[in-house]
Amino acid sequence: MFGHAWSAIFALIEIIGSIPMAGNLHVRDDDLIAKLKIRAARHGRSAEAEHREILRQVLASEVGPDFDGLAAELRKLTASCKQTPSEVLLREGRDER
């Protein structure tokens, strides 16, 4: 269970770190593209600009996880794991020198 939690956390960090600054998105749905072009024309924009605006609006309203929520989830996932206080780990590290 603990290993799976860390795997998920590291996978998320890797995904976020590998997001390029710009990229291409492809829409492979002819009906959706037709609707997008009609909507873009109503708003006086290109289909690409309309696509960006739709994504901007949707993603702006999306709430991401907050730190406290992520920390609580991590505590739940690791509740059954043996925990070693940091001062013990520090002391052991000093003793090994």
PDB file of N, CA and C in Angstrom:
ATOM      1  N   MET A   1       0.829  -1.196   0.000  1.00  0.00           N
ATOM      2  CA  MET A   1       0.000   0.000   0.000  1.00  0.00           C
ATOM      3  C   MET A   1       0.869   1.253   0.000  1.00  0.00           C
ATOM      4  N   PHE A   2       1.875   1.285   0.855  1.00  0.00           N
ATOM      5  CA  PHE A   2       2.749   2.451   0.947  1.00  0.00           C
ATOM      6  C   PHE A   2       3.496   2.675  -0.359  1.00  0.00           C
ATOM      7  N   GLY A   3       4.002   1.590  -0.949  1.00  0.00           N
ATOM      8  CA  GLY A   3       4.731   1.713  -2.200  1.00  0.00           C
ATOM      9  C   GLY A   3       3.863   2.264  -3.309  1.00  0.00           C
ATOM     10  N   HIS A   4       2.609   1.834  -3.353  1.00  0.00           N
ATOM     11  CA  HIS A   4       1.678   2.325  -4.372  1.00  0.00           C
ATOM     12  C   HIS A   4       1.442   3.821  -4.218  1.00  0.00           C
ATOM     13  N   ALA A   5       1.317   4.290  -2.983  1.00  0.00           N
ATOM     14  CA  ALA A   5       1.087   5.727  -2.739  1.00  0.00           C
ATOM     15  C   ALA A   5       2.266   6.544  -3.244  1.00  0.00           C
ATOM     16  N   TRP A   6       3.463   6.106  -2.931  1.00  0.00           N
ATOM     17  CA  TRP A   6       4.637   6.844  -3.384  1.00  0.00           C
ATOM     18  C   TRP A   6       4.779   6.781  -4.893  1.00  0.00           C
ATOM     19  N   SER A   7       4.437   5.631  -5.480  1.00  0.00           N
ATOM     20  CA  SER A   7       4.496   5.507  -6.933  1.00  0.00           C
ATOM     21  C   SER A   7       3.572   6.525  -7.584  1.00  0.00           C
ATOM     22  N   ALA A   8       2.370   6.677  -7.029  1.00  0.00           N
ATOM     23  CA  ALA A   8       1.404   7.632  -7.579  1.00  0.00           C
ATOM     24  C   ALA A   8       1.914   9.061  -7.431  1.00  0.00           C
ATOM     25  N   ILE A   9       2.489   9.376  -6.290  1.00  0.00           N
ATOM     26  CA  ILE A   9       3.005  10.725  -6.047  1.00  0.00           C
ATOM     27  C   ILE A   9       4.153  11.032  -7.002  1.00  0.00           C
ATOM     28  N   PHE A  10       5.086  10.088  -7.155  1.00  0.00           N
ATOM     29  CA  PHE A  10       6.220  10.316  -8.047  1.00  0.00           C
ATOM     30  C   PHE A  10       5.763  10.404  -9.504  1.00  0.00           C
ATOM     31  N   ALA A  11       4.760   9.616  -9.876  1.00  0.00           N
ATOM     32  CA  ALA A  11       4.232   9.681 -11.238  1.00  0.00           C
ATOM     33  C   ALA A  11       3.638  11.057 -11.510  1.00  0.00           C
ATOM     34  N   LEU A  12       2.899  11.601 -10.538  1.00  0.00           N
ATOM     35  CA  LEU A  12       2.304  12.931 -10.691  1.00  0.00           C
ATOM     36  C   LEU A  12       3.389  13.993 -10.828  1.00  0.00           C
ATOM     37  N   ILE A  13       4.417  13.918 -10.007  1.00  0.00           N
ATOM     38  CA  ILE A  13       5.528  14.875 -10.085  1.00  0.00           C
ATOM     39  C   ILE A  13       6.202  14.786 -11.450  1.00  0.00           C
ATOM     40  N   GLU A  14       6.390  13.572 -11.949  1.00  0.00           N
ATOM     41  CA  GLU A  14       7.026  13.393 -13.255  1.00  0.00           C
ATOM     42  C   GLU A  14       6.173  13.970 -14.374  1.00  0.00           C
ATOM     43  N   ILE A  15       4.862  13.763 -14.287  1.00  0.00           N
ATOM     44  CA  ILE A  15       3.955  14.302 -15.307  1.00  0.00           C
ATOM     45  C   ILE A  15       4.001  15.819 -15.299  1.00  0.00           C
ATOM     46  N   ILE A  16       3.901  16.416 -14.129  1.00  0.00           N
ATOM     47  CA  ILE A  16       3.905  17.879 -14.024  1.00  0.00           C
ATOM     48  C   ILE A  16       5.230  18.442 -14.525  1.00  0.00           C
ATOM     49  N   GLY A  17       6.316  17.788 -14.196  1.00  0.00           N
ATOM     50  CA  GLY A  17       7.634  18.263 -14.618  1.00  0.00           C
ATOM     51  C   GLY A  17       7.885  18.105 -16.102  1.00  0.00           C
ATOM     52  N   SER A  18       7.140  17.231 -16.756  1.00  0.00           N
ATOM     53  CA  SER A  18       7.383  16.994 -18.178  1.00  0.00           C
ATOM     54  C   SER A  18       6.405  17.721 -19.085  1.00  0.00           C
ATOM     55  N   ILE A  19       5.563  18.565 -18.525  1.00  0.00           N
ATOM     56  CA  ILE A  19       4.601  19.299 -19.343  1.00  0.00           C
ATOM     57  C   ILE A  19       5.340  20.368 -20.131  1.00  0.00           C
ATOM     58  N   PRO A  20       5.271  20.320 -21.450  1.00  0.00           N
ATOM     59  CA  PRO A  20       5.962  21.339 -22.239  1.00  0.00           C
ATOM     60  C   PRO A  20       5.243  22.686 -22.157  1.00  0.00           C
ATOM     61  N   MET A  21       5.964  23.752 -22.472  1.00  0.00           N
ATOM     62  CA  MET A  21       5.379  25.086 -22.423  1.00  0.00           C
ATOM     63  C   MET A  21       4.317  25.271 -23.501  1.00  0.00           C
ATOM     64  N   ALA A  22       4.482  24.657 -24.636  1.00  0.00           N
ATOM     65  CA  ALA A  22       3.499  24.765 -25.711  1.00  0.00           C
ATOM     66  C   ALA A  22       3.391  23.404 -26.368  1.00  0.00           C
ATOM     67  N   GLY A  23       2.267  23.157 -26.986  1.00  0.00           N
ATOM     68  CA  GLY A  23       2.098  21.860 -27.621  1.00  0.00           C
ATOM     69  C   GLY A  23       0.941  21.896 -28.595  1.00  0.00           C
ATOM     70  N   ASN A  24       0.689  20.777 -29.195  1.00  0.00           N
ATOM     71  CA  ASN A  24      -0.406  20.657 -30.144  1.00  0.00           C
ATOM     72  C   ASN A  24      -1.457  19.718 -29.595  1.00  0.00           C
ATOM     73  N   LEU A  25      -2.699  20.105 -29.757  1.00  0.00           N
ATOM     74  CA  LEU A  25      -3.819  19.241 -29.410  1.00  0.00           C
ATOM     75  C   LEU A  25      -4.560  18.950 -30.700  1.00  0.00           C
ATOM     76  N   HIS A  26      -4.985  17.734 -30.858  1.00  0.00           N
ATOM     77  CA  HIS A  26      -5.703  17.358 -32.067  1.00  0.00           C
ATOM     78  C   HIS A  26      -7.103  16.907 -31.677  1.00  0.00           C
ATOM     79  N   VAL A  27      -8.106  17.426 -32.378  1.00  0.00           N
ATOM     80  CA  VAL A  27      -9.488  17.032 -32.158  1.00  0.00           C
ATOM     81  C   VAL A  27      -9.876  16.150 -33.332  1.00  0.00           C
ATOM     82  N   ARG A  28     -10.217  14.919 -33.042  1.00  0.00           N
ATOM     83  CA  ARG A  28     -10.537  13.963 -34.108  1.00  0.00           C
ATOM     84  C   ARG A  28     -12.017  13.584 -34.057  1.00  0.00           C
ATOM     85  N   ASP A  29     -12.850  14.582 -34.099  1.00  0.00           N
ATOM     86  CA  ASP A  29     -14.294  14.369 -34.066  1.00  0.00           C
ATOM     87  C   ASP A  29     -14.924  15.421 -34.971  1.00  0.00           C
ATOM     88  N   ASP A  30     -15.356  15.002 -36.142  1.00  0.00           N
ATOM     89  CA  ASP A  30     -15.851  15.947 -37.150  1.00  0.00           C
ATOM     90  C   ASP A  30     -17.047  16.756 -36.661  1.00  0.00           C
ATOM     91  N   ASP A  31     -17.964  16.125 -35.930  1.00  0.00           N
ATOM     92  CA  ASP A  31     -19.131  16.857 -35.413  1.00  0.00           C
ATOM     93  C   ASP A  31     -18.697  17.928 -34.414  1.00  0.00           C
ATOM     94  N   LEU A  32     -17.756  17.574 -33.569  1.00  0.00           N
ATOM     95  CA  LEU A  32     -17.256  18.522 -32.571  1.00  0.00           C
ATOM     96  C   LEU A  32     -16.549  19.689 -33.255  1.00  0.00           C
ATOM     97  N   ILE A  33     -15.775  19.396 -34.266  1.00  0.00           N
ATOM     98  CA  ILE A  33     -15.058  20.446 -35.003  1.00  0.00           C
ATOM     99  C   ILE A  33     -16.048  21.389 -35.683  1.00  0.00           C
ATOM    100  N   ALA A  34     -17.112  20.831 -36.271  1.00  0.00           N
ATOM    101  CA  ALA A  34     -18.118  21.668 -36.930  1.00  0.00           C
ATOM    102  C   ALA A  34     -18.778  22.601 -35.916  1.00  0.00           C
ATOM    103  N   LYS A  35     -19.123  22.072 -34.746  1.00  0.00           N
ATOM    104  CA  LYS A  35     -19.741  22.902 -33.699  1.00  0.00           C
ATOM    105  C   LYS A  35     -18.766  23.977 -33.213  1.00  0.00           C
ATOM    106  N   LEU A  36     -17.504  23.604 -33.101  1.00  0.00           N
ATOM    107  CA  LEU A  36     -16.484  24.555 -32.675  1.00  0.00           C
ATOM    108  C   LEU A  36     -16.357  25.698 -33.674  1.00  0.00           C
ATOM    109  N   LYS A  37     -16.371  25.382 -34.962  1.00  0.00           N
ATOM    110  CA  LYS A  37     -16.253  26.408 -36.000  1.00  0.00           C
ATOM    111  C   LYS A  37     -17.467  27.341 -35.997  1.00  0.00           C
ATOM    112  N   ILE A  38     -18.643  26.790 -35.775  1.00  0.00           N
ATOM    113  CA  ILE A  38     -19.854  27.618 -35.703  1.00  0.00           C
ATOM    114  C   ILE A  38     -19.781  28.549 -34.495  1.00  0.00           C
ATOM    115  N   ARG A  39     -19.380  28.004 -33.358  1.00  0.00           N
ATOM    116  CA  ARG A  39     -19.260  28.817 -32.141  1.00  0.00           C
ATOM    117  C   ARG A  39     -18.193  29.892 -32.327  1.00  0.00           C
ATOM    118  N   ALA A  40     -17.085  29.540 -32.951  1.00  0.00           N
ATOM    119  CA  ALA A  40     -16.003  30.502 -33.195  1.00  0.00           C
ATOM    120  C   ALA A  40     -16.489  31.639 -34.080  1.00  0.00           C
ATOM    121  N   ALA A  41     -17.244  31.302 -35.109  1.00  0.00           N
ATOM    122  CA  ALA A  41     -17.767  32.333 -36.015  1.00  0.00           C
ATOM    123  C   ALA A  41     -18.707  33.277 -35.274  1.00  0.00           C
ATOM    124  N   ARG A  42     -19.540  32.734 -34.381  1.00  0.00           N
ATOM    125  CA  ARG A  42     -20.450  33.584 -33.592  1.00  0.00           C
ATOM    126  C   ARG A  42     -19.682  34.566 -32.721  1.00  0.00           C
ATOM    127  N   HIS A  43     -18.508  34.147 -32.252  1.00  0.00           N
ATOM    128  CA  HIS A  43     -17.699  34.996 -31.375  1.00  0.00           C
ATOM    129  C   HIS A  43     -16.625  35.772 -32.131  1.00  0.00           C
ATOM    130  N   GLY A  44     -16.575  35.627 -33.445  1.00  0.00           N
ATOM    131  CA  GLY A  44     -15.597  36.367 -34.242  1.00  0.00           C
ATOM    132  C   GLY A  44     -14.168  35.917 -34.023  1.00  0.00           C
ATOM    133  N   ARG A  45     -13.978  34.630 -33.773  1.00  0.00           N
ATOM    134  CA  ARG A  45     -12.635  34.097 -33.534  1.00  0.00           C
ATOM    135  C   ARG A  45     -12.364  32.945 -34.489  1.00  0.00           C
ATOM    136  N   SER A  46     -11.102  32.588 -34.579  1.00  0.00           N
ATOM    137  CA  SER A  46     -10.739  31.382 -35.319  1.00  0.00           C
ATOM    138  C   SER A  46     -11.118  30.173 -34.465  1.00  0.00           C
ATOM    139  N   ALA A  47     -11.188  29.025 -35.102  1.00  0.00           N
ATOM    140  CA  ALA A  47     -11.508  27.801 -34.355  1.00  0.00           C
ATOM    141  C   ALA A  47     -10.455  27.536 -33.288  1.00  0.00           C
ATOM    142  N   GLU A  48      -9.198  27.787 -33.617  1.00  0.00           N
ATOM    143  CA  GLU A  48      -8.126  27.571 -32.639  1.00  0.00           C
ATOM    144  C   GLU A  48      -8.257  28.519 -31.451  1.00  0.00           C
ATOM    145  N   ALA A  49      -8.554  29.796 -31.713  1.00  0.00           N
ATOM    146  CA  ALA A  49      -8.728  30.762 -30.627  1.00  0.00           C
ATOM    147  C   ALA A  49      -9.940  30.391 -29.765  1.00  0.00           C
ATOM    148  N   GLU A  50     -10.996  29.915 -30.406  1.00  0.00           N
ATOM    149  CA  GLU A  50     -12.186  29.492 -29.658  1.00  0.00           C
ATOM    150  C   GLU A  50     -11.869  28.283 -28.794  1.00  0.00           C
ATOM    151  N   HIS A  51     -11.121  27.355 -29.346  1.00  0.00           N
ATOM    152  CA  HIS A  51     -10.701  26.163 -28.610  1.00  0.00           C
ATOM    153  C   HIS A  51      -9.910  26.560 -27.364  1.00  0.00           C
ATOM    154  N   ARG A  52      -8.953  27.482 -27.540  1.00  0.00           N
ATOM    155  CA  ARG A  52      -8.158  27.967 -26.404  1.00  0.00           C
ATOM    156  C   ARG A  52      -9.040  28.629 -25.355  1.00  0.00           C
ATOM    157  N   GLU A  53     -10.004  29.458 -25.799  1.00  0.00           N
ATOM    158  CA  GLU A  53     -10.873  30.171 -24.863  1.00  0.00           C
ATOM    159  C   GLU A  53     -11.738  29.197 -24.067  1.00  0.00           C
ATOM    160  N   ILE A  54     -12.269  28.187 -24.735  1.00  0.00           N
ATOM    161  CA  ILE A  54     -13.075  27.181 -24.038  1.00  0.00           C
ATOM    162  C   ILE A  54     -12.226  26.482 -22.983  1.00  0.00           C
ATOM    163  N   LEU A  55     -11.040  26.062 -23.365  1.00  0.00           N
ATOM    164  CA  LEU A  55     -10.147  25.392 -22.399  1.00  0.00           C
ATOM    165  C   LEU A  55      -9.782  26.327 -21.251  1.00  0.00           C
ATOM    166  N   ARG A  56      -9.491  27.592 -21.564  1.00  0.00           N
ATOM    167  CA  ARG A  56      -9.132  28.569 -20.537  1.00  0.00           C
ATOM    168  C   ARG A  56     -10.262  28.717 -19.518  1.00  0.00           C
ATOM    169  N   GLN A  57     -11.497  28.847 -20.002  1.00  0.00           N
ATOM    170  CA  GLN A  57     -12.641  29.025 -19.109  1.00  0.00           C
ATOM    171  C   GLN A  57     -12.876  27.793 -18.236  1.00  0.00           C
ATOM    172  N   VAL A  58     -12.824  26.643 -18.842  1.00  0.00           N
ATOM    173  CA  VAL A  58     -13.073  25.409 -18.089  1.00  0.00           C
ATOM    174  C   VAL A  58     -11.985  25.175 -17.047  1.00  0.00           C
ATOM    175  N   LEU A  59     -10.740  25.336 -17.453  1.00  0.00           N
ATOM    176  CA  LEU A  59      -9.639  25.061 -16.533  1.00  0.00           C
ATOM    177  C   LEU A  59      -9.498  26.121 -15.444  1.00  0.00           C
ATOM    178  N   ALA A  60      -9.920  27.343 -15.718  1.00  0.00           N
ATOM    179  CA  ALA A  60      -9.853  28.399 -14.697  1.00  0.00           C
ATOM    180  C   ALA A  60     -10.816  28.106 -13.549  1.00  0.00           C
ATOM    181  N   SER A  61     -11.910  27.446 -13.843  1.00  0.00           N
ATOM    182  CA  SER A  61     -12.898  27.164 -12.797  1.00  0.00           C
ATOM    183  C   SER A  61     -12.600  25.872 -12.051  1.00  0.00           C
ATOM    184  N   GLU A  62     -11.629  25.114 -12.521  1.00  0.00           N
ATOM    185  CA  GLU A  62     -11.291  23.845 -11.883  1.00  0.00           C
ATOM    186  C   GLU A  62     -10.422  24.092 -10.657  1.00  0.00           C
ATOM    187  N   VAL A  63     -10.792  23.480  -9.564  1.00  0.00           N
ATOM    188  CA  VAL A  63     -10.054  23.647  -8.319  1.00  0.00           C
ATOM    189  C   VAL A  63      -9.086  22.485  -8.165  1.00  0.00           C
ATOM    190  N   GLY A  64      -7.821  22.807  -8.003  1.00  0.00           N
ATOM    191  CA  GLY A  64      -6.811  21.778  -7.808  1.00  0.00           C
ATOM    192  C   GLY A  64      -6.720  21.375  -6.348  1.00  0.00           C
ATOM    193  N   PRO A  65      -6.016  20.304  -6.072  1.00  0.00           N
ATOM    194  CA  PRO A  65      -5.879  19.856  -4.683  1.00  0.00           C
ATOM    195  C   PRO A  65      -5.049  20.851  -3.878  1.00  0.00           C
ATOM    196  N   ASP A  66      -5.462  21.089  -2.651  1.00  0.00           N
ATOM    197  CA  ASP A  66      -4.693  21.990  -1.796  1.00  0.00           C
ATOM    198  C   ASP A  66      -3.690  21.168  -0.982  1.00  0.00           C
ATOM    199  N   PHE A  67      -2.699  21.820  -0.440  1.00  0.00           N
ATOM    200  CA  PHE A  67      -1.646  21.124   0.291  1.00  0.00           C
ATOM    201  C   PHE A  67      -2.204  20.350   1.475  1.00  0.00           C
ATOM    202  N   ASP A  68      -3.106  20.975   2.242  1.00  0.00           N
ATOM    203  CA  ASP A  68      -3.659  20.304   3.425  1.00  0.00           C
ATOM    204  C   ASP A  68      -4.404  19.028   3.037  1.00  0.00           C
ATOM    205  N   GLY A  69      -5.138  19.090   1.922  1.00  0.00           N
ATOM    206  CA  GLY A  69      -5.855  17.906   1.457  1.00  0.00           C
ATOM    207  C   GLY A  69      -4.907  16.797   1.020  1.00  0.00           C
ATOM    208  N   LEU A  70      -3.848  17.176   0.295  1.00  0.00           N
ATOM    209  CA  LEU A  70      -2.858  16.187  -0.115  1.00  0.00           C
ATOM    210  C   LEU A  70      -2.130  15.585   1.080  1.00  0.00           C
ATOM    211  N   ALA A  71      -1.798  16.417   2.060  1.00  0.00           N
ATOM    212  CA  ALA A  71      -1.117  15.930   3.262  1.00  0.00           C
ATOM    213  C   ALA A  71      -2.009  14.966   4.034  1.00  0.00           C
ATOM    214  N   ALA A  72      -3.290  15.285   4.157  1.00  0.00           N
ATOM    215  CA  ALA A  72      -4.228  14.406   4.855  1.00  0.00           C
ATOM    216  C   ALA A  72      -4.343  13.066   4.140  1.00  0.00           C
ATOM    217  N   GLU A  73      -4.398  13.111   2.814  1.00  0.00           N
ATOM    218  CA  GLU A  73      -4.482  11.877   2.035  1.00  0.00           C
ATOM    219  C   GLU A  73      -3.227  11.034   2.221  1.00  0.00           C
ATOM    220  N   LEU A  74      -2.068  11.671   2.212  1.00  0.00           N
ATOM    221  CA  LEU A  74      -0.811  10.951   2.417  1.00  0.00           C
ATOM    222  C   LEU A  74      -0.762  10.333   3.810  1.00  0.00           C
ATOM    223  N   ARG A  75      -1.236  11.068   4.825  1.00  0.00           N
ATOM    224  CA  ARG A  75      -1.278  10.516   6.189  1.00  0.00           C
ATOM    225  C   ARG A  75      -2.170   9.275   6.243  1.00  0.00           C
ATOM    226  N   LYS A  76      -3.311   9.313   5.541  1.00  0.00           N
ATOM    227  CA  LYS A  76      -4.203   8.148   5.500  1.00  0.00           C
ATOM    228  C   LYS A  76      -3.514   6.960   4.838  1.00  0.00           C
ATOM    229  N   LEU A  77      -2.845   7.224   3.731  1.00  0.00           N
ATOM    230  CA  LEU A  77      -2.187   6.144   2.995  1.00  0.00           C
ATOM    231  C   LEU A  77      -1.043   5.517   3.779  1.00  0.00           C
ATOM    232  N   THR A  78      -0.395   6.293   4.630  1.00  0.00           N
ATOM    233  CA  THR A  78       0.771   5.795   5.358  1.00  0.00           C
ATOM    234  C   THR A  78       0.482   5.503   6.827  1.00  0.00           C
ATOM    235  N   ALA A  79      -0.789   5.551   7.229  1.00  0.00           N
ATOM    236  CA  ALA A  79      -1.151   5.370   8.641  1.00  0.00           C
ATOM    237  C   ALA A  79      -0.685   4.026   9.194  1.00  0.00           C
ATOM    238  N   SER A  80      -0.733   2.983   8.398  1.00  0.00           N
ATOM    239  CA  SER A  80      -0.365   1.653   8.890  1.00  0.00           C
ATOM    240  C   SER A  80       1.136   1.372   8.775  1.00  0.00           C
ATOM    241  N   CYS A  81       1.892   2.294   8.227  1.00  0.00           N
ATOM    242  CA  CYS A  81       3.334   2.106   8.062  1.00  0.00           C
ATOM    243  C   CYS A  81       4.074   2.561   9.312  1.00  0.00           C
ATOM    244  N   LYS A  82       5.174   1.860   9.588  1.00  0.00           N
ATOM    245  CA  LYS A  82       6.007   2.236  10.721  1.00  0.00           C
ATOM    246  C   LYS A  82       6.628   3.604  10.455  1.00  0.00           C
ATOM    247  N   GLN A  83       6.509   4.503  11.402  1.00  0.00           N
ATOM    248  CA  GLN A  83       7.052   5.857  11.273  1.00  0.00           C
ATOM    249  C   GLN A  83       8.241   6.017  12.216  1.00  0.00           C
ATOM    250  N   THR A  84       9.301   6.595  11.718  1.00  0.00           N
ATOM    251  CA  THR A  84      10.473   6.876  12.546  1.00  0.00           C
ATOM    252  C   THR A  84      10.591   8.381  12.689  1.00  0.00           C
ATOM    253  N   PRO A  85      10.584   8.879  13.934  1.00  0.00           N
ATOM    254  CA  PRO A  85      10.695  10.331  14.133  1.00  0.00           C
ATOM    255  C   PRO A  85      11.982  10.880  13.505  1.00  0.00           C
ATOM    256  N   SER A  86      11.903  12.078  12.973  1.00  0.00           N
ATOM    257  CA  SER A  86      13.046  12.667  12.274  1.00  0.00           C
ATOM    258  C   SER A  86      14.253  12.836  13.182  1.00  0.00           C
ATOM    259  N   GLU A  87      14.028  13.136  14.467  1.00  0.00           N
ATOM    260  CA  GLU A  87      15.182  13.314  15.359  1.00  0.00           C
ATOM    261  C   GLU A  87      15.959  12.017  15.535  1.00  0.00           C
ATOM    262  N   VAL A  88      15.273  10.879  15.471  1.00  0.00           N
ATOM    263  CA  VAL A  88      15.949   9.585  15.560  1.00  0.00           C
ATOM    264  C   VAL A  88      16.792   9.364  14.304  1.00  0.00           C
ATOM    265  N   LEU A  89      16.222   9.673  13.159  1.00  0.00           N
ATOM    266  CA  LEU A  89      16.965   9.522  11.908  1.00  0.00           C
ATOM    267  C   LEU A  89      18.187  10.440  11.872  1.00  0.00           C
ATOM    268  N   LEU A  90      18.026  11.673  12.345  1.00  0.00           N
ATOM    269  CA  LEU A  90      19.157  12.607  12.379  1.00  0.00           C
ATOM    270  C   LEU A  90      20.258  12.099  13.306  1.00  0.00           C
ATOM    271  N   ARG A  91      19.851  11.601  14.480  1.00  0.00           N
ATOM    272  CA  ARG A  91      20.819  11.091  15.441  1.00  0.00           C
ATOM    273  C   ARG A  91      21.571   9.892  14.856  1.00  0.00           C
ATOM    274  N   GLU A  92      20.842   8.996  14.209  1.00  0.00           N
ATOM    275  CA  GLU A  92      21.478   7.831  13.589  1.00  0.00           C
ATOM    276  C   GLU A  92      22.461   8.258  12.513  1.00  0.00           C
ATOM    277  N   GLY A  93      22.078   9.269  11.733  1.00  0.00           N
ATOM    278  CA  GLY A  93      22.962   9.770  10.690  1.00  0.00           C
ATOM    279  C   GLY A  93      24.254  10.359  11.254  1.00  0.00           C
ATOM    280  N   ARG A  94      24.116  11.090  12.361  1.00  0.00           N
ATOM    281  CA  ARG A  94      25.315  11.665  12.996  1.00  0.00           C
ATOM    282  C   ARG A  94      26.205  10.576  13.571  1.00  0.00           C
ATOM    283  N   ASP A  95      25.573   9.546  14.147  1.00  0.00           N
ATOM    284  CA  ASP A  95      26.340   8.463  14.765  1.00  0.00           C
ATOM    285  C   ASP A  95      27.119   7.649  13.735  1.00  0.00           C
ATOM    286  N   GLU A  96      26.631   7.633  12.485  1.00  0.00           N
ATOM    287  CA  GLU A  96      27.306   6.865  11.438  1.00  0.00           C
ATOM    288  C   GLU A  96      28.578   7.553  10.930  1.00  0.00           C
ATOM    289  N   ARG A  97      28.712   8.843  11.184  1.00  0.00           N
ATOM    290  CA  ARG A  97      29.884   9.590  10.677  1.00  0.00           C
ATOM    291  C   ARG A  97      31.113   9.246  11.389  1.00  0.00           C
TER     292      ARG A  97
END
